[in-house]
C-alpha atoms as a PDB file:
ATOM      1  CA  MET A   1       9.160   9.499  13.100  1.00  0.00           C
ATOM      2  CA  LYS A   2      11.079   8.179  15.830  1.00  0.00           C
ATOM      3  CA  SER A   3       7.985   6.366  17.761  1.00  0.00           C
ATOM      4  CA  ILE A   4       7.701   4.508  14.448  1.00  0.00           C
ATOM      5  CA  THR A   5      11.525   3.441  14.170  1.00  0.00           C
ATOM      6  CA  LYS A   6      11.061   2.607  17.958  1.00  0.00           C
ATOM      7  CA  LEU A   7       7.683   0.208  16.576  1.00  0.00           C
ATOM      8  CA  ILE A   8      10.102  -1.461  14.005  1.00  0.00           C
ATOM      9  CA  LEU A   9      13.026  -2.616  15.986  1.00  0.00           C
ATOM     10  CA  VAL A  10      10.858  -3.980  18.858  1.00  0.00           C
ATOM     11  CA  THR A  11       9.480  -6.267  16.276  1.00  0.00           C
ATOM     12  CA  VAL A  12      12.409  -6.817  14.137  1.00  0.00           C
ATOM     13  CA  GLY A  13      13.833  -7.950  17.844  1.00  0.00           C
ATOM     14  CA  CYS A  14      10.959  -9.740  17.895  1.00  0.00           C
ATOM     15  CA  LEU A  15      11.269 -11.484  14.678  1.00  0.00           C
ATOM     16  CA  ALA A  16      14.709 -12.158  15.689  1.00  0.00           C
ATOM     17  CA  LEU A  17      13.847 -13.971  18.352  1.00  0.00           C
ATOM     18  CA  THR A  18      11.031 -16.247  17.199  1.00  0.00           C
ATOM     19  CA  ALA A  19      11.722 -16.855  13.445  1.00  0.00           C
ATOM     20  CA  PRO A  20      13.225 -20.434  11.931  1.00  0.00           C
ATOM     21  CA  GLY A  21      17.023 -20.865  11.965  1.00  0.00           C
ATOM     22  CA  GLN A  22      17.109 -22.844   8.887  1.00  0.00           C
ATOM     23  CA  VAL A  23      17.414 -20.918   5.329  1.00  0.00           C
ATOM     24  CA  ASN A  24      14.939 -21.479   2.265  1.00  0.00           C
ATOM     25  CA  SER A  25      16.661 -24.168  -0.393  1.00  0.00           C
ATOM     26  CA  SER A  26      18.798 -22.844  -3.133  1.00  0.00           C
ATOM     27  CA  SER A  27      15.807 -22.057  -5.204  1.00  0.00           C
ATOM     28  CA  GLN A  28      14.074 -19.432  -3.559  1.00  0.00           C
ATOM     29  CA  LEU A  29      17.110 -17.080  -2.414  1.00  0.00           C
ATOM     30  CA  TRP A  30      16.983 -13.899  -5.081  1.00  0.00           C
ATOM     31  CA  ARG A  31      13.339 -12.374  -4.817  1.00  0.00           C
ATOM     32  CA  PHE A  32      12.595  -9.675  -7.712  1.00  0.00           C
ATOM     33  CA  ARG A  33       9.381  -6.602  -6.312  1.00  0.00           C
ATOM     34  CA  PHE A  34       7.820  -3.798  -7.913  1.00  0.00           C
ATOM     35  CA  ASP A  35       5.428  -1.500  -6.302  1.00  0.00           C
ATOM     36  CA  VAL A  36       2.636   0.887  -7.620  1.00  0.00           C
ATOM     37  CA  GLY A  37       0.109   3.169  -5.759  1.00  0.00           C
ATOM     38  CA  GLY A  38      -0.274   6.324  -4.565  1.00  0.00           C
ATOM     39  CA  THR A  39       1.542   9.007  -2.406  1.00  0.00           C
ATOM     40  CA  ILE A  40       0.313  11.713   0.500  1.00  0.00           C
ATOM     41  CA  PRO A  41       3.382  13.570   1.275  1.00  0.00           C
ATOM     42  CA  GLU A  42       3.594  16.332   4.144  1.00  0.00           C
ATOM     43  CA  ASP A  43       4.159  19.532   3.024  1.00  0.00           C
ATOM     44  CA  PRO A  44       7.882  20.900   3.675  1.00  0.00           C
ATOM     45  CA  THR A  45       8.541  24.216   5.850  1.00  0.00           C
ATOM     46  CA  LEU A  46      10.356  26.087   3.947  1.00  0.00           C
ATOM     47  CA  SER A  47      13.607  27.797   4.587  1.00  0.00           C
ATOM     48  CA  GLU A  48      14.861  29.914   1.495  1.00  0.00           C
ATOM     49  CA  MET A  49      12.684  31.656  -1.154  1.00  0.00           C
ATOM     50  CA  GLY A  50      15.171  33.480  -3.093  1.00  0.00           C
ATOM     51  CA  GLY A  51      16.475  34.193   0.184  1.00  0.00           C
ATOM     52  CA  PRO A  52      16.298  33.211   4.139  1.00  0.00           C
ATOM     53  CA  VAL A  53      12.772  32.103   5.322  1.00  0.00           C
ATOM     54  CA  THR A  54      11.090  32.750   8.782  1.00  0.00           C
ATOM     55  CA  GLY A  55       7.792  32.792   8.806  1.00  0.00           C
ATOM     56  CA  GLY A  56       6.599  29.641   8.699  1.00  0.00           C
ATOM     57  CA  ASP A  57       5.342  29.099   5.164  1.00  0.00           C
ATOM     58  CA  THR A  58       5.253  25.883   3.513  1.00  0.00           C
ATOM     59  CA  MET A  59       5.529  24.233   0.300  1.00  0.00           C
ATOM     60  CA  GLU A  60       2.364  22.914  -0.499  1.00  0.00           C
ATOM     61  CA  LEU A  61       1.784  19.474  -2.080  1.00  0.00           C
ATOM     62  CA  SER A  62      -0.578  16.901  -3.559  1.00  0.00           C
ATOM     63  CA  ALA A  63      -1.170  13.744  -3.305  1.00  0.00           C
ATOM     64  CA  GLY A  64       0.826  12.133  -5.930  1.00  0.00           C
ATOM     65  CA  MET A  65       1.924   8.697  -7.434  1.00  0.00           C
ATOM     66  CA  ALA A  66       4.847   5.965  -6.563  1.00  0.00           C
ATOM     67  CA  PHE A  67       6.454   2.838  -8.210  1.00  0.00           C
ATOM     68  CA  GLY A  68       9.211   1.401  -7.696  1.00  0.00           C
ATOM     69  CA  PHE A  69      11.774  -1.824  -8.284  1.00  0.00           C
ATOM     70  CA  ALA A  70      14.220  -4.111  -6.147  1.00  0.00           C
ATOM     71  CA  ALA A  71      16.088  -7.103  -5.994  1.00  0.00           C
ATOM     72  CA  GLY A  72      17.290  -9.317  -3.127  1.00  0.00           C
ATOM     73  CA  TYR A  73      18.581 -12.136  -1.544  1.00  0.00           C
ATOM     74  CA  ARG A  74      17.306 -13.936   1.191  1.00  0.00           C
ATOM     75  CA  LEU A  75      19.709 -14.541   4.114  1.00  0.00           C
ATOM     76  CA  THR A  76      17.165 -16.857   6.320  1.00  0.00           C
ATOM     77  CA  PRO A  77      13.753 -17.245   6.111  1.00  0.00           C
ATOM     78  CA  TRP A  78      13.195 -14.451   8.013  1.00  0.00           C
ATOM     79  CA  LEU A  79      15.761 -12.251   6.654  1.00  0.00           C
ATOM     80  CA  LEU A  80      15.978 -10.331   3.052  1.00  0.00           C
ATOM     81  CA  LEU A  81      18.391  -7.690   1.815  1.00  0.00           C
ATOM     82  CA  GLU A  82      17.375  -5.353  -1.647  1.00  0.00           C
ATOM     83  CA  GLY A  83      18.336  -3.018  -3.109  1.00  0.00           C
ATOM     84  CA  GLU A  84      15.509  -0.777  -4.341  1.00  0.00           C
ATOM     85  CA  LEU A  85      14.777   1.648  -7.226  1.00  0.00           C
ATOM     86  CA  GLY A  86      11.751   4.237  -6.360  1.00  0.00           C
ATOM     87  CA  PHE A  87      10.090   7.334  -7.773  1.00  0.00           C
ATOM     88  CA  THR A  88       7.654   9.218  -6.682  1.00  0.00           C
ATOM     89  CA  TYR A  89       5.966  12.235  -7.733  1.00  0.00           C
ATOM     90  CA  ASN A  90       4.068  14.379  -6.779  1.00  0.00           C
ATOM     91  CA  GLU A  91       2.237  17.880  -7.695  1.00  0.00           C
ATOM     92  CA  ILE A  92       3.107  21.910  -6.576  1.00  0.00           C
ATOM     93  CA  ASP A  93       0.085  23.685  -5.493  1.00  0.00           C
ATOM     94  CA  SER A  94       2.137  26.588  -3.917  1.00  0.00           C
ATOM     95  CA  VAL A  95       5.232  27.650  -2.666  1.00  0.00           C
ATOM     96  CA  GLY A  96       4.780  29.698   0.428  1.00  0.00           C
ATOM     97  CA  ASN A  97       2.016  32.621  -1.554  1.00  0.00           C
ATOM     98  CA  TRP A  98       3.289  32.730  -4.227  1.00  0.00           C
ATOM     99  CA  SER A  99       2.077  29.702  -7.059  1.00  0.00           C
ATOM    100  CA  TYR A 100       2.938  28.463 -10.409  1.00  0.00           C
ATOM    101  CA  PRO A 101       1.059  26.471 -13.185  1.00  0.00           C
ATOM    102  CA  ASP A 102       2.423  22.578 -14.129  1.00  0.00           C
ATOM    103  CA  SER A 103       4.680  22.827 -10.731  1.00  0.00           C
ATOM    104  CA  GLY A 104       6.047  19.109  -9.746  1.00  0.00           C
ATOM    105  CA  LEU A 105       8.231  18.015  -7.346  1.00  0.00           C
ATOM    106  CA  SER A 106       9.975  14.223  -8.375  1.00  0.00           C
ATOM    107  CA  GLN A 107      12.110  12.298  -6.141  1.00  0.00           C
ATOM    108  CA  MET A 108      14.036   9.121  -7.373  1.00  0.00           C
ATOM    109  CA  LEU A 109      15.240   6.807  -4.672  1.00  0.00           C
ATOM    110  CA  MET A 110      18.060   4.459  -4.596  1.00  0.00           C
ATOM    111  CA  MET A 111      17.960   2.523  -1.359  1.00  0.00           C
ATOM    112  CA  VAL A 112      19.367  -0.470   0.688  1.00  0.00           C
ATOM    113  CA  ASN A 113      16.801  -2.274   2.717  1.00  0.00           C
ATOM    114  CA  ALA A 114      16.517  -5.254   5.196  1.00  0.00           C
ATOM    115  CA  GLU A 115      13.149  -6.630   5.643  1.00  0.00           C
ATOM    116  CA  PHE A 116      12.117  -8.925   8.165  1.00  0.00           C
ATOM    117  CA  SER A 117       9.284 -11.220   7.599  1.00  0.00           C
ATOM    118  CA  TYR A 118       6.932 -14.011   9.706  1.00  0.00           C
ATOM    119  CA  PRO A 119       4.895 -16.515   7.336  1.00  0.00           C
ATOM    120  CA  LEU A 120       1.878 -17.275   8.827  1.00  0.00           C
ATOM    121  CA  GLY A 121       0.968 -20.051   6.005  1.00  0.00           C
ATOM    122  CA  ARG A 122       0.148 -17.989   3.132  1.00  0.00           C
ATOM    123  CA  LEU A 123      -0.104 -14.818   4.579  1.00  0.00           C
ATOM    124  CA  VAL A 124       3.292 -13.429   5.325  1.00  0.00           C
ATOM    125  CA  PRO A 125       3.355 -10.254   7.562  1.00  0.00           C
ATOM    126  CA  PHE A 126       7.072  -7.905   7.403  1.00  0.00           C
ATOM    127  CA  VAL A 127       8.013  -4.816   8.405  1.00  0.00           C
ATOM    128  CA  GLY A 128      11.882  -3.196   6.894  1.00  0.00           C
ATOM    129  CA  ILE A 129      14.236  -0.326   7.365  1.00  0.00           C
ATOM    130  CA  GLY A 130      16.218   1.249   4.329  1.00  0.00           C
ATOM    131  CA  GLY A 131      18.826   4.070   4.131  1.00  0.00           C
ATOM    132  CA  GLY A 132      20.507   5.294   1.068  1.00  0.00           C
ATOM    133  CA  GLY A 133      19.832   8.922  -1.713  1.00  0.00           C
ATOM    134  CA  VAL A 134      17.130  10.771  -2.879  1.00  0.00           C
ATOM    135  CA  TYR A 135      17.951  12.274  -6.301  1.00  0.00           C
ATOM    136  CA  SER A 136      15.145  15.135  -6.420  1.00  0.00           C
ATOM    137  CA  SER A 137      14.037  17.838  -8.719  1.00  0.00           C
ATOM    138  CA  VAL A 138      11.720  20.237  -9.099  1.00  0.00           C
ATOM    139  CA  THR A 139      10.037  21.925 -12.501  1.00  0.00           C
ATOM    140  CA  PHE A 140       8.000  24.472 -12.866  1.00  0.00           C
ATOM    141  CA  GLY A 141       5.366  25.001 -16.307  1.00  0.00           C
ATOM    142  CA  ASN A 142       5.898  24.114 -18.941  1.00  0.00           C
ATOM    143  CA  TYR A 143       6.045  24.947 -22.848  1.00  0.00           C
ATOM    144  CA  ASP A 144       6.018  23.186 -26.179  1.00  0.00           C
ATOM    145  CA  TYR A 145       9.418  23.536 -28.487  1.00  0.00           C
ATOM    146  CA  TYR A 146       8.454  21.677 -31.987  1.00  0.00           C
ATOM    147  CA  TYR A 147       8.686  18.059 -31.352  1.00  0.00           C
ATOM    148  CA  TYR A 148       9.068  18.105 -27.439  1.00  0.00           C
ATOM    149  CA  ASN A 149       8.111  19.721 -24.352  1.00  0.00           C
ATOM    150  CA  ASP A 150      10.146  21.228 -21.327  1.00  0.00           C
ATOM    151  CA  SER A 151      10.004  23.164 -18.507  1.00  0.00           C
ATOM    152  CA  ASP A 152      10.086  26.996 -18.260  1.00  0.00           C
ATOM    153  CA  GLY A 153      12.200  26.788 -14.858  1.00  0.00           C
ATOM    154  CA  TRP A 154      14.120  23.266 -13.519  1.00  0.00           C
ATOM    155  CA  GLY A 155      16.495  22.529 -10.489  1.00  0.00           C
ATOM    156  CA  ASP A 156      17.681  19.745  -8.976  1.00  0.00           C
ATOM    157  CA  ASP A 157      19.443  18.113  -5.574  1.00  0.00           C
ATOM    158  CA  PHE A 158      20.776  14.621  -4.302  1.00  0.00           C
ATOM    159  CA  VAL A 159      19.942  14.169  -0.225  1.00  0.00           C
ATOM    160  CA  PRO A 160      20.646  11.539   1.865  1.00  0.00           C
ATOM    161  CA  ALA A 161      16.795   9.489   3.073  1.00  0.00           C
ATOM    162  CA  ALA A 162      15.779   6.882   5.163  1.00  0.00           C
ATOM    163  CA  GLN A 163      12.345   5.115   4.939  1.00  0.00           C
ATOM    164  CA  VAL A 164      10.611   2.496   6.984  1.00  0.00           C
ATOM    165  CA  PHE A 165       7.656   0.263   5.623  1.00  0.00           C
ATOM    166  CA  ALA A 166       5.164  -2.442   6.320  1.00  0.00           C
ATOM    167  CA  GLY A 167       2.598  -4.617   4.738  1.00  0.00           C
ATOM    168  CA  LEU A 168       1.372  -7.959   4.609  1.00  0.00           C
ATOM    169  CA  ARG A 169       1.948 -10.375   1.687  1.00  0.00           C
ATOM    170  CA  PHE A 170      -0.454 -13.516   0.001  1.00  0.00           C
ATOM    171  CA  ASP A 171       1.926 -16.529  -1.343  1.00  0.00           C
ATOM    172  CA  PHE A 172      -0.220 -17.606  -4.468  1.00  0.00           C
ATOM    173  CA  ASP A 173       2.297 -20.698  -4.823  1.00  0.00           C
ATOM    174  CA  SER A 174       6.085 -21.326  -4.143  1.00  0.00           C
ATOM    175  CA  ASN A 175       6.995 -18.609  -6.477  1.00  0.00           C
ATOM    176  CA  TRP A 176       4.833 -15.427  -6.491  1.00  0.00           C
ATOM    177  CA  SER A 177       2.657 -13.404  -4.426  1.00  0.00           C
ATOM    178  CA  ALA A 178       1.135 -10.125  -4.073  1.00  0.00           C
ATOM    179  CA  GLY A 179      -0.109  -7.679  -0.980  1.00  0.00           C
ATOM    180  CA  VAL A 180       0.365  -4.273   0.444  1.00  0.00           C
ATOM    181  CA  THR A 181       2.962  -2.150   1.425  1.00  0.00           C
ATOM    182  CA  TYR A 182       3.017   1.288   3.805  1.00  0.00           C
ATOM    183  CA  ARG A 183       5.964   3.280   3.366  1.00  0.00           C
ATOM    184  CA  LEU A 184       7.663   6.245   4.895  1.00  0.00           C
ATOM    185  CA  LEU A 185      10.651   8.125   3.323  1.00  0.00           C
ATOM    186  CA  ALA A 186      12.221  11.322   5.296  1.00  0.00           C
ATOM    187  CA  THR A 187      14.765  13.731   4.081  1.00  0.00           C
ATOM    188  CA  PRO A 188      16.548  15.702   5.768  1.00  0.00           C
ATOM    189  CA  SER A 189      16.798  19.458   4.214  1.00  0.00           C
ATOM    190  CA  GLN A 190      16.577  19.995   0.526  1.00  0.00           C
ATOM    191  CA  LYS A 191      17.389  22.953  -2.053  1.00  0.00           C
ATOM    192  CA  TRP A 192      17.372  23.746  -5.308  1.00  0.00           C
ATOM    193  CA  ASP A 193      19.053  26.040  -7.443  1.00  0.00           C
ATOM    194  CA  VAL A 194      16.238  26.802 -10.395  1.00  0.00           C
ATOM    195  CA  GLU A 195      17.277  27.750 -13.778  1.00  0.00           C
ATOM    196  CA  TRP A 196      14.378  29.610 -15.926  1.00  0.00           C
ATOM    197  CA  ASP A 197      14.254  29.346 -19.580  1.00  0.00           C
ATOM    198  CA  VAL A 198      11.998  32.091 -20.192  1.00  0.00           C
ATOM    199  CA  PRO A 199      12.128  35.384 -19.262  1.00  0.00           C
ATOM    200  CA  TRP A 200       8.611  35.776 -17.249  1.00  0.00           C
ATOM    201  CA  GLY A 201      10.770  33.585 -14.909  1.00  0.00           C
ATOM    202  CA  PRO A 202      11.862  35.206 -11.255  1.00  0.00           C
ATOM    203  CA  GLY A 203      15.653  35.111 -12.546  1.00  0.00           C
ATOM    204  CA  ALA A 204      18.320  33.235 -12.982  1.00  0.00           C
ATOM    205  CA  ASP A 205      19.452  33.375  -9.016  1.00  0.00           C
ATOM    206  CA  PHE A 206      15.990  31.857  -7.932  1.00  0.00           C
ATOM    207  CA  GLN A 207      16.694  29.370  -5.007  1.00  0.00           C
ATOM    208  CA  ILE A 208      14.311  27.124  -3.080  1.00  0.00           C
ATOM    209  CA  GLY A 209      14.865  25.029   0.109  1.00  0.00           C
ATOM    210  CA  VAL A 210      12.940  23.322   2.441  1.00  0.00           C
ATOM    211  CA  ASP A 211      13.675  21.947   5.689  1.00  0.00           C
ATOM    212  CA  GLY A 212      13.357  18.307   5.028  1.00  0.00           C
ATOM    213  CA  VAL A 213      10.365  16.214   2.512  1.00  0.00           C
ATOM    214  CA  VAL A 214       8.526  13.352   4.227  1.00  0.00           C
ATOM    215  CA  ILE A 215       6.163  10.827   1.903  1.00  0.00           C
ATOM    216  CA  HIS A 216       3.905   8.318   3.255  1.00  0.00           C
ATOM    217  CA  SER A 217       3.001   5.802   0.242  1.00  0.00           C
ATOM    218  CA  ILE A 218       0.689   3.154   0.200  1.00  0.00           C
ATOM    219  CA  CYS A 219       1.650   0.458  -2.840  1.00  0.00           C
ATOM    220  CA  PHE A 220       0.152  -2.946  -4.424  1.00  0.00           C
ATOM    221  CA  THR A 221       2.949  -5.206  -4.636  1.00  0.00           C
ATOM    222  CA  ILE A 222       3.966  -7.689  -6.287  1.00  0.00           C
ATOM    223  CA  THR A 223       7.137 -10.375  -5.602  1.00  0.00           C
ATOM    224  CA  GLY A 224       8.259 -13.010  -7.578  1.00  0.00           C
ATOM    225  CA  THR A 225      10.891 -15.645  -6.360  1.00  0.00           C
ATOM    226  CA  PHE A 226      13.309 -17.779  -7.460  1.00  0.00           C
END
Protein backbone atom coordinates (compact mmCIF):
# COMPACT_ATOMS: atom_id res chain seq x y z
CA MET A 1 0.00 0.00 0.00
CA LYS A 2 2.79 2.46 0.87
CA SER A 3 4.71 1.68 -2.33
CA ILE A 4 1.58 2.21 -4.45
CA THR A 5 0.92 5.56 -2.76
CA LYS A 6 4.53 6.68 -3.32
CA LEU A 7 4.33 5.69 -7.00
CA ILE A 8 1.14 7.71 -7.49
CA LEU A 9 2.57 10.75 -5.71
CA VAL A 10 5.66 10.68 -7.95
CA THR A 11 3.49 10.30 -11.04
CA VAL A 12 1.26 13.18 -9.94
CA GLY A 13 4.32 15.38 -9.43
CA CYS A 14 5.59 14.63 -12.92
CA LEU A 15 2.20 15.38 -14.44
CA ALA A 16 1.96 18.65 -12.54
CA LEU A 17 5.35 19.77 -13.89
CA THR A 18 4.78 18.77 -17.50
CA ALA A 19 1.04 19.17 -18.15
CA PRO A 20 -0.33 22.12 -20.16
CA GLY A 21 -1.46 25.13 -18.19
CA GLN A 22 -4.69 26.03 -20.02
CA VAL A 23 -8.16 25.00 -18.85
CA ASN A 24 -10.51 23.33 -21.35
CA SER A 25 -13.38 25.31 -22.81
CA SER A 26 -16.50 25.76 -20.71
CA SER A 27 -18.28 23.05 -22.71
CA GLN A 28 -15.72 20.49 -21.52
CA LEU A 29 -15.54 21.21 -17.78
CA TRP A 30 -18.06 18.68 -16.43
CA ARG A 31 -17.54 14.92 -16.60
CA PHE A 32 -19.69 11.92 -15.71
CA ARG A 33 -18.27 8.43 -15.28
CA PHE A 34 -19.74 4.94 -15.00
CA ASP A 35 -17.74 1.82 -14.01
CA VAL A 36 -18.67 -1.85 -14.01
CA GLY A 37 -16.37 -4.81 -13.40
CA GLY A 38 -15.09 -7.42 -10.99
CA THR A 39 -13.27 -7.50 -7.66
CA ILE A 40 -10.49 -9.62 -6.17
CA PRO A 41 -10.52 -9.25 -2.37
CA GLU A 42 -7.76 -9.90 0.12
CA ASP A 43 -9.01 -12.12 2.96
CA PRO A 44 -9.19 -9.86 6.04
CA THR A 45 -7.79 -11.09 9.35
CA LEU A 46 -10.39 -11.78 12.02
CA SER A 47 -10.14 -9.71 15.20
CA GLU A 48 -13.44 -10.73 16.78
CA MET A 49 -16.02 -13.48 16.42
CA GLY A 50 -18.33 -13.54 19.41
CA GLY A 51 -15.21 -12.53 21.36
CA PRO A 52 -11.56 -11.61 20.64
CA VAL A 53 -9.71 -13.70 18.03
CA THR A 54 -5.90 -13.93 18.19
CA GLY A 55 -5.14 -17.04 16.12
CA GLY A 56 -4.68 -15.34 12.73
CA ASP A 57 -7.91 -16.73 11.26
CA THR A 58 -9.40 -14.92 8.29
CA MET A 59 -12.73 -14.12 6.70
CA GLU A 60 -12.46 -15.84 3.32
CA LEU A 61 -14.02 -13.85 0.48
CA SER A 62 -14.72 -14.85 -3.11
CA ALA A 63 -14.19 -12.72 -6.20
CA GLY A 64 -17.17 -10.47 -6.78
CA MET A 65 -18.58 -7.49 -8.59
CA ALA A 66 -18.19 -3.71 -8.56
CA PHE A 67 -19.88 -0.74 -10.14
CA GLY A 68 -19.87 2.99 -9.56
CA PHE A 69 -20.97 6.42 -10.74
CA ALA A 70 -19.09 9.71 -10.43
CA ALA A 71 -19.55 13.34 -11.41
CA GLY A 72 -16.59 15.70 -11.57
CA TYR A 73 -15.32 19.13 -12.51
CA ARG A 74 -12.12 19.67 -14.50
CA LEU A 75 -9.97 22.37 -12.90
CA THR A 76 -7.19 22.12 -15.50
CA PRO A 77 -6.62 19.89 -18.55
CA TRP A 78 -4.79 17.44 -16.27
CA LEU A 79 -6.64 17.73 -12.90
CA LEU A 80 -10.23 16.71 -12.19
CA LEU A 81 -12.07 16.57 -8.86
CA GLU A 82 -15.09 14.30 -8.54
CA GLY A 83 -17.57 12.80 -6.13
CA GLU A 84 -18.17 9.08 -6.41
CA LEU A 85 -20.80 6.59 -5.30
CA GLY A 86 -19.76 2.95 -5.71
CA PHE A 87 -20.66 -0.56 -4.68
CA THR A 88 -18.76 -3.82 -4.22
CA TYR A 89 -20.07 -7.26 -3.32
CA ASN A 90 -18.18 -10.42 -2.36
CA GLU A 91 -19.51 -13.72 -1.09
CA ILE A 92 -18.25 -14.87 2.31
CA ASP A 93 -16.96 -18.44 2.02
CA SER A 94 -16.13 -18.78 5.71
CA VAL A 95 -15.45 -16.82 8.89
CA GLY A 96 -12.58 -18.62 10.55
CA ASN A 97 -13.63 -22.27 10.73
CA TRP A 98 -17.35 -21.38 10.59
CA SER A 99 -19.43 -20.97 7.44
CA TYR A 100 -23.03 -20.14 6.64
CA PRO A 101 -24.72 -20.57 3.22
CA ASP A 102 -25.56 -17.55 1.05
CA SER A 103 -23.38 -15.09 2.97
CA GLY A 104 -21.88 -11.90 1.62
CA LEU A 105 -20.05 -8.63 2.28
CA SER A 106 -21.45 -5.48 0.62
CA GLN A 107 -19.68 -2.11 0.63
CA MET A 108 -21.09 1.23 -0.52
CA LEU A 109 -18.39 3.79 -1.32
CA MET A 110 -18.84 7.55 -0.80
CA MET A 111 -15.60 9.13 -2.03
CA VAL A 112 -14.02 12.37 -3.17
CA ASN A 113 -11.33 11.77 -5.79
CA ALA A 114 -8.57 13.71 -7.50
CA GLU A 115 -7.67 12.38 -10.96
CA PHE A 116 -4.55 13.36 -12.86
CA SER A 117 -4.39 12.64 -16.60
CA TYR A 118 -1.99 13.28 -19.47
CA PRO A 119 -3.59 12.98 -22.93
CA LEU A 120 -1.45 11.36 -25.62
CA GLY A 121 -3.63 12.00 -28.62
CA ARG A 122 -6.78 9.89 -28.22
CA LEU A 123 -5.15 7.75 -25.51
CA VAL A 124 -5.40 9.18 -22.00
CA PRO A 125 -3.45 7.51 -19.16
CA PHE A 126 -4.52 8.61 -15.70
CA VAL A 127 -3.89 8.04 -11.99
CA GLY A 128 -5.81 9.18 -8.95
CA ILE A 129 -6.34 9.06 -5.24
CA GLY A 130 -9.48 9.40 -3.13
CA GLY A 131 -10.80 9.47 0.40
CA GLY A 132 -14.15 9.22 2.12
CA GLY A 133 -16.19 6.53 3.79
CA VAL A 134 -17.66 3.07 3.28
CA TYR A 135 -20.98 1.80 4.56
CA SER A 136 -20.61 -1.98 4.79
CA SER A 137 -22.94 -4.81 5.67
CA VAL A 138 -22.61 -8.55 6.16
CA THR A 139 -25.54 -10.87 5.48
CA PHE A 140 -25.93 -14.55 6.30
CA GLY A 141 -28.41 -16.80 4.51
CA ASN A 142 -31.85 -15.85 3.26
CA TYR A 143 -35.41 -16.93 3.70
CA ASP A 144 -38.64 -16.40 1.80
CA TYR A 145 -41.46 -14.58 3.56
CA TYR A 146 -44.54 -14.42 1.38
CA TYR A 147 -43.60 -11.89 -1.33
CA TYR A 148 -40.03 -10.92 -0.34
CA ASN A 149 -36.67 -12.38 0.70
CA ASP A 150 -34.73 -11.46 3.81
CA SER A 151 -31.45 -12.48 5.43
CA ASP A 152 -31.21 -14.86 8.38
CA GLY A 153 -28.63 -12.54 9.97
CA TRP A 154 -27.48 -9.01 9.18
CA GLY A 155 -25.06 -6.38 10.52
CA ASP A 156 -23.61 -3.07 9.31
CA ASP A 157 -20.80 -0.60 9.95
CA PHE A 158 -19.49 2.73 8.62
CA VAL A 159 -15.74 3.40 8.43
CA PRO A 160 -13.35 5.80 6.67
CA ALA A 161 -11.78 4.59 3.44
CA ALA A 162 -9.06 5.47 0.94
CA GLN A 163 -8.38 4.38 -2.61
CA VAL A 164 -5.84 4.68 -5.38
CA PHE A 165 -6.55 4.00 -9.04
CA ALA A 166 -4.96 4.08 -12.48
CA GLY A 167 -6.05 3.29 -15.99
CA LEU A 168 -6.20 4.12 -19.67
CA ARG A 169 -9.02 5.72 -21.67
CA PHE A 170 -9.60 6.07 -25.41
CA ASP A 171 -11.36 9.24 -26.60
CA PHE A 172 -13.86 8.39 -29.34
CA ASP A 173 -14.61 12.08 -29.83
CA SER A 174 -14.50 15.30 -27.81
CA ASN A 175 -17.28 14.12 -25.46
CA TRP A 176 -17.08 10.35 -25.01
CA SER A 177 -14.39 7.87 -24.01
CA ALA A 178 -14.07 4.27 -22.81
CA GLY A 179 -11.29 2.48 -20.99
CA VAL A 180 -10.13 0.24 -18.18
CA THR A 181 -9.49 1.20 -14.55
CA TYR A 182 -7.62 -0.66 -11.81
CA ARG A 183 -8.64 0.37 -8.29
CA LEU A 184 -7.41 -0.52 -4.78
CA LEU A 185 -9.83 0.26 -1.96
CA ALA A 186 -8.75 -0.05 1.68
CA THR A 187 -10.56 0.48 4.98
CA PRO A 188 -9.38 0.21 8.59
CA SER A 189 -10.90 -2.29 11.02
CA GLN A 190 -14.59 -3.06 10.61
CA LYS A 191 -17.02 -4.58 13.12
CA TRP A 192 -20.54 -5.87 12.60
CA ASP A 193 -23.11 -6.58 15.33
CA VAL A 194 -25.13 -9.29 13.61
CA GLU A 195 -28.83 -9.56 14.42
CA TRP A 196 -30.51 -12.90 13.71
CA ASP A 197 -34.12 -13.32 12.69
CA VAL A 198 -34.07 -17.12 12.88
CA PRO A 199 -33.93 -19.31 16.01
CA TRP A 200 -31.05 -21.43 14.73
CA GLY A 201 -28.65 -18.46 14.45
CA PRO A 202 -25.60 -18.05 16.73
CA GLY A 203 -27.45 -15.66 19.03
CA ALA A 204 -28.38 -12.03 19.51
CA ASP A 205 -24.91 -10.84 20.55
CA PHE A 206 -22.95 -12.35 17.68
CA GLN A 207 -20.20 -9.88 16.71
CA ILE A 208 -17.70 -10.18 13.84
CA GLY A 209 -14.67 -7.91 13.46
CA VAL A 210 -11.78 -7.75 11.00
CA ASP A 211 -8.53 -5.79 11.05
CA GLY A 212 -9.25 -4.15 7.68
CA VAL A 213 -10.65 -4.82 4.22
CA VAL A 214 -8.67 -4.47 0.97
CA ILE A 215 -10.45 -4.87 -2.37
CA HIS A 216 -8.78 -4.87 -5.81
CA SER A 217 -11.05 -4.20 -8.78
CA ILE A 218 -10.75 -3.98 -12.55
CA CYS A 219 -13.58 -2.13 -14.28
CA PHE A 220 -14.70 -1.11 -17.73
CA THR A 221 -15.16 2.67 -17.69
CA ILE A 222 -17.31 4.99 -19.79
CA THR A 223 -17.01 8.78 -19.44
CA GLY A 224 -18.97 11.65 -20.90
CA THR A 225 -17.67 15.23 -20.87
CA PHE A 226 -19.92 18.25 -21.38
